[in-house]
Amino acid sequence: MALVVGIDGNANVQPLTRARNDANAIARQLTGTGFDVILRTDPDRRGISMALAELEEKLRGAEVGMFFFVGHGVGIRGTNVLLPSDIPATLSESILLREGFLLTDVAQAMTDSGVRYSALIIDACRDNPLPRQAGCSVGRTRGLGRAAAPQGTCVVYSAGIGEAPLDRLSDTAPVANSVFTRYLLPALAQLGLSLDAAVKQVRDQVRTDAGSVRHQQNPAIYDQATGELFLIPQAPQPPPPPQVVHPAPPPTSAPPGDGTAAAELVFWQSVPATGRPAELEAYLERWPTGIFAPIARARLAGLASRVPSRSVPHSATLGRDGIIQLQRRLATLGLDPGAADGAPGQRTLATIRAAQYALGQTPDGEPSEALLMRLGQQPVPEAADLARGLAAQAPAALAERNPQEAVRVLEAALRLAPEMAPYG
């Protein structure tokens, strides 16, 4: 069970630009891994109070509870206060303590619910985000302080004491998420990586990025939990099959022209330099003695040598339970396969084809055991390749007179990798 809160629009504090994006992305990630998620963006004090009451109620009997907050916070007399969107203009310490909501109250509510493992992830200022009034700074110039984590609780901050987390590296940065969340999302999607190990991995990445713009940001973790939290546990691997079966090339329409050198050149230039097996095999089928045939065969040989030995035949189709696992795994990559219900609808099939495209498999939308197993291995597909796999489906949707689906996959591609726009 998880509560995710993102606040961009504080009425009387400097607004943020990526808090809502971060909250939405984290909510999708947690939903994909099986969490029941309560999502609130720009809530006022009453909205947060109601969401916390709902969280406390739903946590009863749960194994794991999580609270993710991205917005503004301040430390007052040793108390960490998170600010709702309607924090008043008169920013005295007593008003902030009364009108904000206390991190200790959130942690205690989760502990009182009886949940076995609680995780609080706070992406908020640990310097003072508030304006100075009457010659002094509210909160005695301090942002959020050290957390006194109750037993069974792990508290993660996106920055160290006295530091401000970066909303972005520059005003022109095209990335949709803050620096901390940008690295946290893929870390949480890694098989067999605990929350503690994920934060340490993210800390190194954030520290490097912040240093590149002469900023100091060191994510911190205060852990009083018993055991470790694995969002995606490492699954036992089946024994390897006797042989590797490579996917067959997808059916392709004839390239432009009538087999001339110009048509061959146009087709070859459409094949990415990384070379996907289906595209290389399609080229060789059309021009087996073409000018680029030796290069295509060499790339195919190189790709074949990197195929994991644990691959299974592509023809092994998943049942309902397997499709549910596949839908959840696709969601952890940032894709939107729809509800994890075991029914491969249009959204699920589009995300399957995107994953197959990114992995160099035949993009036929088949929910296969081979794909499920491959997505559980490292490295995971890059967001840019998944976005291209979504965008590549738009022409077929238009050809089928389904412009709504064409627009949907293009918008999904842009959300997944906004820095890739426009897609070629």
Protein backbone atom coordinates (compact mmCIF):
# COMPACT_ATOMS: atom_id res chain seq x y z
CA MET A 1 0.00 0.00 0.00
CA ALA A 2 1.42 3.41 -0.91
CA LEU A 3 0.52 7.11 -0.72
CA VAL A 4 2.22 9.29 -3.34
CA VAL A 5 2.02 13.11 -3.08
CA GLY A 6 3.45 15.67 -5.50
CA ILE A 7 3.03 19.44 -5.00
CA ASP A 8 4.17 21.92 -7.64
CA GLY A 9 1.82 24.79 -6.88
CA ASN A 10 2.36 26.21 -3.40
CA ALA A 11 0.43 29.48 -3.25
CA ASN A 12 2.97 31.33 -1.07
CA VAL A 13 6.23 29.45 -1.68
CA GLN A 14 8.37 29.32 -4.82
CA PRO A 15 6.59 26.84 -7.16
CA LEU A 16 8.29 23.71 -8.48
CA THR A 17 7.98 22.38 -12.04
CA ARG A 18 8.38 18.60 -11.85
CA ALA A 19 6.78 17.47 -8.58
CA ARG A 20 3.55 16.33 -10.22
CA ASN A 21 5.51 14.54 -12.96
CA ASP A 22 7.60 12.77 -10.32
CA ALA A 23 4.54 11.71 -8.33
CA ASN A 24 2.78 10.37 -11.42
CA ALA A 25 5.87 8.42 -12.51
CA ILE A 26 6.43 6.89 -9.06
CA ALA A 27 2.73 5.97 -8.80
CA ARG A 28 2.89 4.14 -12.16
CA GLN A 29 6.06 2.33 -11.05
CA LEU A 30 4.59 1.18 -7.74
CA THR A 31 1.31 0.13 -9.36
CA GLY A 32 3.26 -1.97 -11.83
CA THR A 33 5.00 -3.81 -8.99
CA GLY A 34 1.73 -4.68 -7.24
CA PHE A 35 1.17 -1.74 -4.86
CA ASP A 36 -2.29 -0.32 -4.24
CA VAL A 37 -1.51 3.39 -4.74
CA ILE A 38 -3.26 6.53 -3.49
CA LEU A 39 -2.07 9.43 -5.69
CA ARG A 40 -2.58 13.09 -4.81
CA THR A 41 -1.18 16.04 -6.80
CA ASP A 42 -1.22 19.61 -5.42
CA PRO A 43 -3.46 18.67 -2.44
CA ASP A 44 -4.36 21.24 0.20
CA ARG A 45 -4.10 20.49 3.93
CA ARG A 46 -7.54 18.86 4.07
CA GLY A 47 -6.78 16.73 1.00
CA ILE A 48 -3.56 15.45 2.56
CA SER A 49 -5.31 14.71 5.88
CA MET A 50 -7.97 12.66 4.11
CA ALA A 51 -5.36 10.79 2.07
CA LEU A 52 -3.35 9.96 5.22
CA ALA A 53 -6.50 8.67 6.94
CA GLU A 54 -7.22 6.46 3.91
CA LEU A 55 -3.63 5.20 3.92
CA GLU A 56 -3.73 4.33 7.63
CA GLU A 57 -6.98 2.43 7.16
CA LYS A 58 -5.74 0.43 4.15
CA LEU A 59 -2.39 -0.37 5.80
CA ARG A 60 -4.04 -2.54 8.44
CA GLY A 61 -3.07 -6.09 7.63
CA ALA A 62 -0.59 -5.04 4.89
CA GLU A 63 3.01 -6.25 4.77
CA VAL A 64 4.58 -3.11 3.27
CA GLY A 65 3.62 0.56 3.40
CA MET A 66 5.23 3.39 1.46
CA PHE A 67 4.89 7.19 1.52
CA PHE A 68 6.48 9.23 -1.29
CA PHE A 69 6.42 13.03 -1.08
CA VAL A 70 7.89 15.57 -3.48
CA GLY A 71 7.43 19.26 -2.71
CA HIS A 72 8.58 21.77 -0.10
CA GLY A 73 9.45 21.06 3.54
CA VAL A 74 11.04 22.87 6.47
CA GLY A 75 12.50 21.94 9.87
CA ILE A 76 11.15 23.83 12.91
CA ARG A 77 12.52 23.22 16.41
CA GLY A 78 13.64 19.73 15.45
CA THR A 79 10.33 18.87 13.74
CA ASN A 80 10.13 18.19 10.00
CA VAL A 81 7.11 19.85 8.40
CA LEU A 82 5.88 19.12 4.85
CA LEU A 83 3.96 21.96 3.21
CA PRO A 84 0.54 21.54 1.52
CA SER A 85 -0.44 23.61 -1.51
CA ASP A 86 -2.50 26.07 0.57
CA ILE A 87 0.14 27.00 3.14
CA PRO A 88 -0.79 30.54 4.31
CA ALA A 89 1.10 33.68 3.40
CA THR A 90 1.90 34.47 7.05
CA LEU A 91 4.81 32.07 7.45
CA SER A 92 5.40 32.09 11.20
CA GLU A 93 6.74 28.97 12.88
CA SER A 94 3.59 28.41 14.93
CA ILE A 95 1.35 28.65 11.83
CA LEU A 96 3.58 26.29 9.85
CA LEU A 97 3.47 23.74 12.65
CA ARG A 98 -0.32 23.97 12.72
CA GLU A 99 -1.04 24.21 8.97
CA GLY A 100 1.69 21.92 7.63
CA PHE A 101 1.77 18.19 8.27
CA LEU A 102 4.47 16.53 10.35
CA LEU A 103 6.68 13.79 8.96
CA THR A 104 6.76 12.17 12.39
CA ASP A 105 2.95 11.90 12.33
CA VAL A 106 3.10 10.09 8.97
CA ALA A 107 5.78 7.67 10.21
CA GLN A 108 3.91 7.02 13.47
CA ALA A 109 0.61 6.41 11.66
CA MET A 110 2.30 3.79 9.49
CA THR A 111 3.88 2.15 12.53
CA ASP A 112 0.59 2.14 14.47
CA SER A 113 -1.15 0.38 11.58
CA GLY A 114 0.92 -2.72 12.28
CA VAL A 115 2.55 -2.83 8.84
CA ARG A 116 5.78 -4.87 8.99
CA TYR A 117 7.93 -2.61 6.76
CA SER A 118 7.44 1.15 6.26
CA ALA A 119 9.34 3.27 3.74
CA LEU A 120 9.15 7.08 3.56
CA ILE A 121 10.83 8.70 0.54
CA ILE A 122 11.01 12.50 0.79
CA ASP A 123 12.13 14.64 -2.16
CA ALA A 124 11.97 18.03 -0.41
CA CYS A 125 14.35 20.87 0.46
CA ARG A 126 16.76 20.28 3.33
CA ASP A 127 17.82 23.90 3.24
CA ASN A 128 15.20 26.55 4.02
CA PRO A 129 12.79 27.08 1.06
CA LEU A 130 10.87 29.90 2.76
CA PRO A 131 11.35 33.65 2.35
CA ARG A 132 12.89 35.72 5.14
CA GLN A 133 10.45 37.81 7.18
CA ALA A 134 11.21 40.72 9.49
CA GLY A 135 14.93 40.11 9.22
CA CYS A 136 14.87 36.41 10.12
CA SER A 137 14.22 33.17 8.32
CA VAL A 138 11.37 30.88 9.29
CA GLY A 139 12.63 27.57 10.64
CA ARG A 140 15.87 29.18 11.95
CA THR A 141 17.42 28.90 8.46
CA ARG A 142 17.08 25.12 8.49
CA GLY A 143 15.28 22.89 6.05
CA LEU A 144 14.32 19.33 6.89
CA GLY A 145 16.53 17.77 9.56
CA ARG A 146 17.58 14.25 10.44
CA ALA A 147 14.69 11.79 10.69
CA ALA A 148 14.06 9.87 13.89
CA ALA A 149 12.87 6.75 12.12
CA PRO A 150 10.64 4.53 14.27
CA GLN A 151 11.48 0.82 14.53
CA GLY A 152 10.52 -0.96 11.32
CA THR A 153 10.79 2.24 9.23
CA CYS A 154 13.21 3.32 6.51
CA VAL A 155 13.34 7.06 5.69
CA VAL A 156 15.01 8.26 2.49
CA TYR A 157 15.77 11.90 1.66
CA SER A 158 16.69 13.11 -1.83
CA ALA A 159 19.33 15.43 -0.34
CA GLY A 160 21.53 15.77 2.74
CA ILE A 161 20.94 18.19 5.62
CA GLY A 162 21.34 21.80 4.48
CA GLU A 163 21.01 20.85 0.79
CA ALA A 164 18.34 21.65 -1.82
CA PRO A 165 17.41 18.85 -4.25
CA LEU A 166 17.65 19.84 -7.91
CA ASP A 167 14.33 20.12 -9.74
CA ARG A 168 16.35 20.17 -12.98
CA LEU A 169 19.96 20.59 -14.10
CA SER A 170 19.14 23.62 -16.25
CA ASP A 171 16.16 25.67 -17.39
CA THR A 172 16.40 24.07 -20.85
CA ALA A 173 16.67 20.45 -19.64
CA PRO A 174 14.06 18.38 -21.58
CA VAL A 175 13.73 15.65 -18.91
CA ALA A 176 10.30 15.41 -17.25
CA ASN A 177 11.50 14.38 -13.77
CA SER A 178 13.72 15.81 -11.05
CA VAL A 179 17.31 14.59 -10.83
CA PHE A 180 16.59 12.27 -7.86
CA THR A 181 13.43 10.70 -9.31
CA ARG A 182 15.02 10.34 -12.76
CA TYR A 183 17.54 7.89 -11.29
CA LEU A 184 15.24 6.36 -8.65
CA LEU A 185 12.71 5.07 -11.22
CA PRO A 186 15.07 2.68 -13.09
CA ALA A 187 16.75 1.64 -9.83
CA LEU A 188 13.42 0.52 -8.35
CA ALA A 189 12.74 -1.50 -11.52
CA GLN A 190 15.89 -3.63 -11.17
CA LEU A 191 15.35 -7.27 -10.27
CA GLY A 192 16.74 -8.30 -6.92
CA LEU A 193 17.82 -4.77 -5.89
CA SER A 194 16.82 -3.77 -2.35
CA LEU A 195 15.58 -0.28 -1.50
CA ASP A 196 18.75 0.37 0.52
CA ALA A 197 21.00 -0.68 -2.40
CA ALA A 198 18.87 1.32 -4.85
CA VAL A 199 19.26 4.52 -2.80
CA LYS A 200 23.03 4.05 -2.58
CA GLN A 201 23.18 3.55 -6.35
CA VAL A 202 21.03 6.65 -6.93
CA ARG A 203 23.14 8.68 -4.48
CA ASP A 204 26.28 8.21 -6.59
CA GLN A 205 24.44 9.16 -9.79
CA VAL A 206 22.77 12.24 -8.27
CA ARG A 207 26.02 13.40 -6.66
CA THR A 208 27.77 13.24 -10.04
CA ASP A 209 25.01 15.09 -11.92
CA ALA A 210 24.72 17.79 -9.23
CA GLY A 211 28.49 18.26 -9.24
CA SER A 212 28.39 18.88 -13.00
CA VAL A 213 26.47 22.13 -12.32
CA ARG A 214 28.49 22.96 -9.17
CA HIS A 215 25.69 21.94 -6.82
CA GLN A 216 25.83 19.67 -3.78
CA GLN A 217 23.17 17.00 -3.38
CA ASN A 218 23.73 13.76 -1.45
CA PRO A 219 20.64 11.55 -0.95
CA ALA A 220 20.50 10.11 2.59
CA ILE A 221 18.92 7.04 4.16
CA TYR A 222 17.98 6.46 7.82
CA ASP A 223 17.11 2.80 8.22
CA GLN A 224 15.47 1.28 11.31
CA ALA A 225 13.63 -1.41 9.32
CA THR A 226 14.05 -5.11 9.95
CA GLY A 227 15.09 -6.95 6.81
CA GLU A 228 15.17 -5.50 3.33
CA LEU A 229 12.51 -4.37 0.86
CA PHE A 230 12.73 -5.75 -2.68
CA LEU A 231 10.14 -4.20 -5.00
CA ILE A 232 10.93 -6.81 -7.67
CA PRO A 233 12.53 -9.91 -6.08
CA GLN A 234 14.94 -11.95 -8.17
CA ALA A 235 13.01 -14.89 -9.58
CA PRO A 236 14.65 -18.34 -9.78
CA GLN A 237 15.91 -19.03 -13.29
CA PRO A 238 14.72 -22.13 -15.21
CA PRO A 239 17.32 -24.52 -16.66
CA PRO A 240 18.63 -23.52 -20.11
CA PRO A 241 16.94 -25.10 -23.14
CA PRO A 242 18.97 -27.33 -25.46
CA GLN A 243 19.22 -24.70 -28.15
CA VAL A 244 18.57 -21.04 -28.84
CA VAL A 245 15.73 -20.25 -31.22
CA HIS A 246 16.04 -16.88 -32.91
CA PRO A 247 12.85 -14.93 -33.73
CA ALA A 248 11.76 -14.96 -37.34
CA PRO A 249 11.73 -11.66 -39.26
CA PRO A 250 8.41 -9.79 -39.29
CA PRO A 251 6.39 -9.64 -42.50
CA THR A 252 7.50 -6.56 -44.37
CA SER A 253 6.18 -4.70 -47.34
CA ALA A 254 8.45 -4.21 -50.32
CA PRO A 255 10.78 -1.23 -49.96
CA PRO A 256 10.37 1.75 -52.26
CA GLY A 257 11.35 1.28 -55.87
CA ASP A 258 11.95 -1.93 -57.81
CA GLY A 259 15.18 -3.22 -56.30
CA THR A 260 17.41 -0.49 -57.62
CA ALA A 261 20.52 0.73 -55.81
CA ALA A 262 18.61 3.84 -54.69
CA ALA A 263 15.87 1.74 -53.06
CA GLU A 264 18.46 -0.45 -51.36
CA LEU A 265 20.22 2.63 -49.99
CA VAL A 266 16.97 4.10 -48.63
CA PHE A 267 16.13 0.80 -46.87
CA TRP A 268 19.63 0.40 -45.39
CA GLN A 269 19.65 3.94 -44.05
CA SER A 270 16.41 3.15 -42.15
CA VAL A 271 18.18 0.39 -40.18
CA PRO A 272 19.64 1.79 -36.89
CA ALA A 273 23.39 1.54 -36.49
CA THR A 274 22.84 -0.85 -33.56
CA GLY A 275 21.08 -3.22 -35.97
CA ARG A 276 18.06 -5.23 -34.85
CA PRO A 277 17.90 -8.85 -36.08
CA ALA A 278 14.45 -8.51 -37.68
CA GLU A 279 15.50 -5.47 -39.74
CA LEU A 280 18.85 -6.95 -40.78
CA GLU A 281 17.20 -10.22 -41.83
CA ALA A 282 14.56 -8.29 -43.79
CA TYR A 283 17.32 -6.48 -45.67
CA LEU A 284 19.14 -9.75 -46.52
CA GLU A 285 15.91 -11.36 -47.70
CA ARG A 286 15.31 -8.49 -50.14
CA TRP A 287 18.97 -7.97 -51.21
CA PRO A 288 20.93 -11.18 -50.41
CA THR A 289 23.85 -10.03 -52.61
CA GLY A 290 23.44 -6.31 -51.93
CA ILE A 291 26.25 -3.89 -51.33
CA PHE A 292 25.58 -3.88 -47.56
CA ALA A 293 24.96 -7.66 -47.25
CA PRO A 294 28.39 -8.45 -45.70
CA ILE A 295 27.84 -5.77 -43.04
CA ALA A 296 24.35 -7.07 -42.28
CA ARG A 297 25.60 -10.64 -41.85
CA ALA A 298 28.45 -9.49 -39.60
CA ARG A 299 26.04 -7.55 -37.38
CA LEU A 300 23.69 -10.53 -37.17
CA ALA A 301 26.58 -12.75 -36.11
CA GLY A 302 27.58 -10.25 -33.44
CA LEU A 303 24.03 -9.99 -32.11
CA ALA A 304 23.64 -13.79 -32.04
CA SER A 305 26.76 -14.13 -29.89
CA ARG A 306 25.15 -11.91 -27.24
CA VAL A 307 21.83 -13.81 -27.00
CA PRO A 308 21.48 -15.07 -23.38
CA SER A 309 21.79 -18.85 -23.12
CA ARG A 310 18.66 -18.92 -20.98
CA SER A 311 16.38 -17.90 -23.85
CA VAL A 312 13.40 -20.14 -24.55
CA PRO A 313 11.56 -20.74 -27.82
CA HIS A 314 9.51 -17.73 -28.85
CA SER A 315 6.54 -19.97 -29.54
CA ALA A 316 5.98 -20.63 -25.80
CA THR A 317 2.84 -18.54 -25.19
CA LEU A 318 1.95 -17.37 -21.68
CA GLY A 319 -1.23 -18.24 -19.82
CA ARG A 320 -3.27 -15.74 -17.80
CA ASP A 321 -0.95 -15.73 -14.76
CA GLY A 322 2.09 -15.31 -16.99
CA ILE A 323 0.45 -12.41 -18.85
CA ILE A 324 -0.26 -10.70 -15.51
CA GLN A 325 3.45 -11.00 -14.63
CA LEU A 326 4.36 -9.66 -18.07
CA GLN A 327 1.97 -6.70 -17.71
CA ARG A 328 3.49 -5.80 -14.33
CA ARG A 329 7.02 -6.12 -15.69
CA LEU A 330 6.18 -3.88 -18.67
CA ALA A 331 4.76 -1.29 -16.26
CA THR A 332 8.04 -1.19 -14.32
CA LEU A 333 9.75 -0.07 -17.55
CA GLY A 334 7.52 3.03 -17.68
CA LEU A 335 5.14 1.55 -20.26
CA ASP A 336 1.34 1.60 -19.86
CA PRO A 337 -0.03 -1.90 -20.55
CA GLY A 338 -3.31 -1.12 -18.79
CA ALA A 339 -4.61 -3.12 -15.85
CA ALA A 340 -2.64 -6.24 -14.85
CA ASP A 341 -5.64 -8.51 -15.51
CA GLY A 342 -4.15 -11.25 -17.70
CA ALA A 343 -6.12 -10.05 -20.75
CA PRO A 344 -3.84 -8.85 -23.58
CA GLY A 345 -5.88 -5.87 -24.79
CA GLN A 346 -4.80 -3.18 -27.24
CA ARG A 347 -2.65 -1.30 -24.68
CA THR A 348 -0.90 -4.48 -23.55
CA LEU A 349 -0.20 -5.59 -27.13
CA ALA A 350 1.24 -2.15 -28.01
CA THR A 351 3.62 -2.26 -25.03
CA ILE A 352 4.64 -5.85 -25.86
CA ARG A 353 5.50 -4.79 -29.42
CA ALA A 354 7.49 -1.83 -28.06
CA ALA A 355 9.50 -4.12 -25.77
CA GLN A 356 10.09 -6.61 -28.59
CA TYR A 357 11.27 -3.78 -30.85
CA ALA A 358 13.65 -2.48 -28.17
CA LEU A 359 15.08 -5.98 -27.66
CA GLY A 360 15.52 -6.71 -31.38
CA GLN A 361 12.74 -9.32 -31.40
CA THR A 362 9.93 -9.67 -33.91
CA PRO A 363 7.37 -7.01 -32.89
CA ASP A 364 4.34 -9.31 -33.26
CA GLY A 365 2.71 -8.55 -29.89
CA GLU A 366 2.92 -12.20 -28.79
CA PRO A 367 2.90 -12.50 -24.95
CA SER A 368 5.64 -15.14 -24.93
CA GLU A 369 7.62 -16.83 -22.19
CA ALA A 370 10.80 -15.73 -23.97
CA LEU A 371 9.84 -12.05 -23.60
CA LEU A 372 8.85 -12.43 -19.93
CA MET A 373 12.16 -14.10 -19.15
CA ARG A 374 14.23 -11.58 -21.12
CA LEU A 375 12.61 -8.61 -19.34
CA GLY A 376 13.70 -10.18 -16.06
CA GLN A 377 17.35 -10.06 -17.11
CA GLN A 378 19.91 -7.27 -17.34
CA PRO A 379 20.29 -4.98 -19.12
CA VAL A 380 16.70 -3.74 -19.27
CA PRO A 381 15.57 -2.01 -22.49
CA GLU A 382 16.41 1.70 -22.78
CA ALA A 383 13.51 4.16 -22.52
CA ALA A 384 14.50 5.70 -25.87
CA ASP A 385 14.28 2.31 -27.63
CA LEU A 386 10.92 1.57 -26.00
CA ALA A 387 9.66 4.99 -27.14
CA ARG A 388 10.78 4.26 -30.71
CA GLY A 389 8.99 0.91 -30.51
CA LEU A 390 5.76 2.71 -29.57
CA ALA A 391 6.13 5.40 -32.22
CA ALA A 392 6.89 2.80 -34.91
CA GLN A 393 3.33 1.46 -34.50
CA ALA A 394 1.65 4.71 -35.51
CA PRO A 395 1.88 4.18 -39.33
CA ALA A 396 0.20 0.76 -39.07
CA ALA A 397 -2.58 2.23 -36.92
CA LEU A 398 -3.18 4.95 -39.51
CA ALA A 399 -3.19 2.35 -42.28
CA GLU A 400 -5.90 0.51 -40.35
CA ARG A 401 -7.91 3.76 -40.14
CA ASN A 402 -7.37 4.00 -36.39
CA PRO A 403 -6.00 7.53 -35.86
CA GLN A 404 -6.89 7.43 -32.14
CA GLU A 405 -4.49 4.54 -31.57
CA ALA A 406 -1.81 6.28 -33.66
CA VAL A 407 -2.10 9.41 -31.51
CA ARG A 408 -2.13 7.32 -28.31
CA VAL A 409 1.12 5.45 -29.05
CA LEU A 410 2.85 8.66 -30.14
CA GLU A 411 1.78 10.45 -26.95
CA ALA A 412 2.88 7.44 -24.87
CA ALA A 413 6.27 7.51 -26.61
CA LEU A 414 6.66 11.21 -25.86
CA ARG A 415 5.80 10.70 -22.18
CA LEU A 416 8.29 7.85 -21.91
CA ALA A 417 11.21 9.70 -23.53
CA PRO A 418 10.41 13.40 -24.08
CA GLU A 419 14.03 14.11 -25.01
CA MET A 420 13.59 11.92 -28.14
CA ALA A 421 10.97 14.15 -29.77
CA PRO A 422 10.49 14.39 -32.69
CA TYR A 423 10.70 10.71 -33.46
CA GLY A 424 12.16 9.59 -36.74
